[in-house]
C-alpha atoms as a PDB file:
ATOM      1  CA  MET A   1       1.029 -14.491  -2.661  1.00  0.00           C
ATOM      2  CA  SER A   2      -2.663 -13.703  -2.829  1.00  0.00           C
ATOM      3  CA  LYS A   3      -3.907 -10.403  -4.173  1.00  0.00           C
ATOM      4  CA  GLN A   4      -5.125  -7.662  -1.899  1.00  0.00           C
ATOM      5  CA  ALA A   5      -8.754  -6.529  -2.191  1.00  0.00           C
ATOM      6  CA  TYR A   6      -7.676  -3.261  -3.827  1.00  0.00           C
ATOM      7  CA  GLN A   7      -5.736  -5.175  -6.500  1.00  0.00           C
ATOM      8  CA  ILE A   8      -8.779  -7.298  -7.328  1.00  0.00           C
ATOM      9  CA  GLU A   9     -11.016  -4.216  -7.570  1.00  0.00           C
ATOM     10  CA  TYR A  10      -8.519  -2.471  -9.836  1.00  0.00           C
ATOM     11  CA  ASP A  11      -8.121  -5.552 -12.059  1.00  0.00           C
ATOM     12  CA  GLU A  12     -11.913  -5.775 -12.426  1.00  0.00           C
ATOM     13  CA  PHE A  13     -12.036  -2.089 -13.344  1.00  0.00           C
ATOM     14  CA  VAL A  14      -9.279  -2.503 -15.957  1.00  0.00           C
ATOM     15  CA  ALA A  15     -11.184  -5.403 -17.536  1.00  0.00           C
ATOM     16  CA  GLU A  16     -14.293  -3.196 -17.852  1.00  0.00           C
ATOM     17  CA  TYR A  17     -12.210  -0.292 -19.128  1.00  0.00           C
ATOM     18  CA  ARG A  18     -10.771  -2.458 -21.889  1.00  0.00           C
ATOM     19  CA  LYS A  19     -14.310  -3.277 -23.021  1.00  0.00           C
ATOM     20  CA  GLY A  20     -14.917   0.472 -23.423  1.00  0.00           C
ATOM     21  CA  ILE A  21     -17.770   0.688 -20.959  1.00  0.00           C
ATOM     22  CA  THR A  22     -16.213   3.050 -18.439  1.00  0.00           C
ATOM     23  CA  ASP A  23     -17.109   6.657 -17.727  1.00  0.00           C
ATOM     24  CA  ALA A  24     -15.796   9.312 -15.342  1.00  0.00           C
ATOM     25  CA  GLU A  25     -18.356   8.293 -12.731  1.00  0.00           C
ATOM     26  CA  ASP A  26     -17.026   4.713 -12.708  1.00  0.00           C
ATOM     27  CA  VAL A  27     -13.500   6.024 -12.299  1.00  0.00           C
ATOM     28  CA  GLY A  28     -14.616   8.316  -9.472  1.00  0.00           C
ATOM     29  CA  ALA A  29     -16.328   5.449  -7.667  1.00  0.00           C
ATOM     30  CA  LEU A  30     -13.155   3.381  -7.838  1.00  0.00           C
ATOM     31  CA  ILE A  31     -11.102   6.328  -6.568  1.00  0.00           C
ATOM     32  CA  VAL A  32     -13.385   6.534  -3.539  1.00  0.00           C
ATOM     33  CA  ARG A  33     -13.104   2.796  -2.850  1.00  0.00           C
ATOM     34  CA  LEU A  34      -9.322   2.793  -3.232  1.00  0.00           C
ATOM     35  CA  ALA A  35      -9.053   5.854  -0.984  1.00  0.00           C
ATOM     36  CA  GLN A  36     -10.932   3.859   1.647  1.00  0.00           C
ATOM     37  CA  HIS A  37      -8.460   0.987   1.244  1.00  0.00           C
ATOM     38  CA  PHE A  38      -5.638   3.526   1.559  1.00  0.00           C
ATOM     39  CA  MET A  39      -7.050   4.815   4.832  1.00  0.00           C
ATOM     40  CA  THR A  40      -7.532   1.314   6.255  1.00  0.00           C
ATOM     41  CA  ILE A  41      -4.046   0.155   5.298  1.00  0.00           C
ATOM     42  CA  ASN A  42      -2.518   3.389   6.579  1.00  0.00           C
ATOM     43  CA  ILE A  43      -4.127   2.781   9.990  1.00  0.00           C
ATOM     44  CA  GLU A  44      -2.803  -0.795   9.909  1.00  0.00           C
ATOM     45  CA  LEU A  45       0.623   0.590   8.960  1.00  0.00           C
ATOM     46  CA  GLY A  46       0.671   2.568  12.207  1.00  0.00           C
ATOM     47  CA  GLU A  47      -0.124  -0.563  14.206  1.00  0.00           C
ATOM     48  CA  LYS A  48       2.510  -2.572  12.371  1.00  0.00           C
ATOM     49  CA  TRP A  49       5.056   0.179  12.938  1.00  0.00           C
ATOM     50  CA  ARG A  50       4.363   0.116  16.698  1.00  0.00           C
ATOM     51  CA  ASN A  51       4.678  -3.689  16.735  1.00  0.00           C
ATOM     52  CA  MET A  52       8.007  -3.510  14.952  1.00  0.00           C
ATOM     53  CA  VAL A  53       9.330  -0.839  17.298  1.00  0.00           C
ATOM     54  CA  LYS A  54       8.578  -3.126  20.254  1.00  0.00           C
ATOM     55  CA  VAL A  55      10.415  -6.021  18.600  1.00  0.00           C
ATOM     56  CA  ALA A  56      13.327  -3.747  17.675  1.00  0.00           C
ATOM     57  CA  ALA A  57      13.630  -2.539  21.274  1.00  0.00           C
ATOM     58  CA  GLU A  58      13.690  -6.126  22.477  1.00  0.00           C
ATOM     59  CA  ILE A  59      16.343  -7.170  19.957  1.00  0.00           C
ATOM     60  CA  ASN A  60      18.479  -4.083  20.590  1.00  0.00           C
ATOM     61  CA  SER A  61      18.536  -4.839  24.312  1.00  0.00           C
ATOM     62  CA  GLN A  62      19.905  -8.358  23.766  1.00  0.00           C
ATOM     63  CA  MET A  63      23.456  -9.377  24.475  1.00  0.00           C
ATOM     64  CA  ASP A  64      25.633 -10.932  21.798  1.00  0.00           C
ATOM     65  CA  ASP A  65      25.979 -14.661  22.564  1.00  0.00           C
ATOM     66  CA  ASN A  66      29.571 -14.722  21.306  1.00  0.00           C
ATOM     67  CA  THR A  67      30.935 -11.680  23.138  1.00  0.00           C
ATOM     68  CA  GLY A  68      28.602 -11.140  26.072  1.00  0.00           C
ATOM     69  CA  LYS A  69      28.427  -7.472  25.081  1.00  0.00           C
ATOM     70  CA  ALA A  70      25.535  -5.452  23.706  1.00  0.00           C
ATOM     71  CA  ILE A  71      24.513  -6.627  20.263  1.00  0.00           C
ATOM     72  CA  ALA A  72      26.067  -4.656  17.383  1.00  0.00           C
ATOM     73  CA  ALA A  73      23.718  -2.275  15.576  1.00  0.00           C
ATOM     74  CA  ASN A  74      24.118  -3.937  12.175  1.00  0.00           C
ATOM     75  CA  LYS A  75      23.537  -7.392  13.652  1.00  0.00           C
ATOM     76  CA  ALA A  76      20.473  -6.119  15.505  1.00  0.00           C
ATOM     77  CA  GLN A  77      19.097  -4.553  12.314  1.00  0.00           C
ATOM     78  CA  THR A  78      19.577  -7.806  10.410  1.00  0.00           C
ATOM     79  CA  LYS A  79      17.640  -9.664  13.098  1.00  0.00           C
ATOM     80  CA  ILE A  80      14.926  -6.986  13.137  1.00  0.00           C
ATOM     81  CA  ASP A  81      14.533  -7.119   9.348  1.00  0.00           C
ATOM     82  CA  ALA A  82      13.977 -10.879   9.522  1.00  0.00           C
ATOM     83  CA  THR A  83      11.057 -10.722  11.972  1.00  0.00           C
ATOM     84  CA  PRO A  84       7.437 -11.302  10.950  1.00  0.00           C
ATOM     85  CA  GLU A  85       6.651  -7.830  12.305  1.00  0.00           C
ATOM     86  CA  ALA A  86       9.143  -6.258   9.895  1.00  0.00           C
ATOM     87  CA  MET A  87       7.727  -8.244   6.980  1.00  0.00           C
ATOM     88  CA  ASP A  88       4.213  -7.083   7.888  1.00  0.00           C
ATOM     89  CA  LEU A  89       5.419  -3.480   8.045  1.00  0.00           C
ATOM     90  CA  TYR A  90       7.226  -3.680   4.700  1.00  0.00           C
ATOM     91  CA  THR A  91       4.167  -5.266   3.057  1.00  0.00           C
ATOM     92  CA  ALA A  92       1.915  -2.480   4.359  1.00  0.00           C
ATOM     93  CA  LYS A  93       4.375   0.140   3.068  1.00  0.00           C
ATOM     94  CA  ILE A  94       4.331  -1.489  -0.364  1.00  0.00           C
ATOM     95  CA  ASP A  95       0.508  -1.546  -0.333  1.00  0.00           C
ATOM     96  CA  ILE A  96       0.430   2.173   0.516  1.00  0.00           C
ATOM     97  CA  GLU A  97       2.851   2.947  -2.329  1.00  0.00           C
ATOM     98  CA  ASN A  98       0.794   0.812  -4.738  1.00  0.00           C
ATOM     99  CA  LEU A  99      -2.409   2.573  -3.744  1.00  0.00           C
ATOM    100  CA  GLU A 100      -0.813   5.997  -4.170  1.00  0.00           C
ATOM    101  CA  GLN A 101       0.241   5.044  -7.704  1.00  0.00           C
ATOM    102  CA  LEU A 102      -3.174   3.640  -8.581  1.00  0.00           C
ATOM    103  CA  LEU A 103      -4.988   6.673  -7.190  1.00  0.00           C
ATOM    104  CA  ASN A 104      -2.761   9.058  -9.146  1.00  0.00           C
ATOM    105  CA  ALA A 105      -3.278   7.067 -12.347  1.00  0.00           C
ATOM    106  CA  LEU A 106      -7.043   6.964 -11.825  1.00  0.00           C
ATOM    107  CA  LYS A 107      -7.268  10.703 -11.171  1.00  0.00           C
ATOM    108  CA  SER A 108      -5.430  11.306 -14.422  1.00  0.00           C
ATOM    109  CA  LEU A 109      -7.714   8.881 -16.251  1.00  0.00           C
ATOM    110  CA  GLN A 110     -10.770  10.552 -14.765  1.00  0.00           C
ATOM    111  CA  ARG A 111      -9.623  13.943 -16.057  1.00  0.00           C
ATOM    112  CA  GLY A 112      -9.014  12.432 -19.502  1.00  0.00           C
ATOM    113  CA  VAL A 113     -12.383  10.688 -19.643  1.00  0.00           C
ATOM    114  CA  THR A 114     -14.140  13.862 -18.483  1.00  0.00           C
ATOM    115  CA  ASN A 115     -12.325  15.966 -21.102  1.00  0.00           C
ATOM    116  CA  ASP A 116     -13.230  13.480 -23.840  1.00  0.00           C
ATOM    117  CA  TYR A 117     -16.856  13.606 -22.745  1.00  0.00           C
ATOM    118  CA  HIS A 118     -16.935  17.410 -22.901  1.00  0.00           C
ATOM    119  CA  HIS A 119     -15.134  17.535 -26.253  1.00  0.00           C
ATOM    120  CA  MET A 120     -17.812  15.343 -27.750  1.00  0.00           C
ATOM    121  CA  GLY A 121     -20.356  18.085 -27.005  1.00  0.00           C
ATOM    122  CA  ASN A 122     -21.840  16.419 -23.944  1.00  0.00           C
ATOM    123  CA  THR A 123     -22.399  18.321 -20.731  1.00  0.00           C
END
């Protein structure tokens, strides 16, 4: 699986951070970029959710081939979960969760870097 753009940006930042050439401004810039990724993926999440709801409605309206009756809820859910639309939705949800974690970690790092800067007598 290829990395998302936000993962690549974060990995590049971590490499620079390890070299010791990162300041609070760098962290803030990455927070802004990742927040933009968050917004974009969140909008896509809404689209993917609507697509999955359409597929779910279609599957739930099917008849069971074996019984000729309405498809059972658990069987319908299994079919829904196996659709490309469901996979797209789950991937977007994971990306949103990843971005939330990264943003929280970066905000904490930014506070730490800023505090270190001020403790060293810089203003």
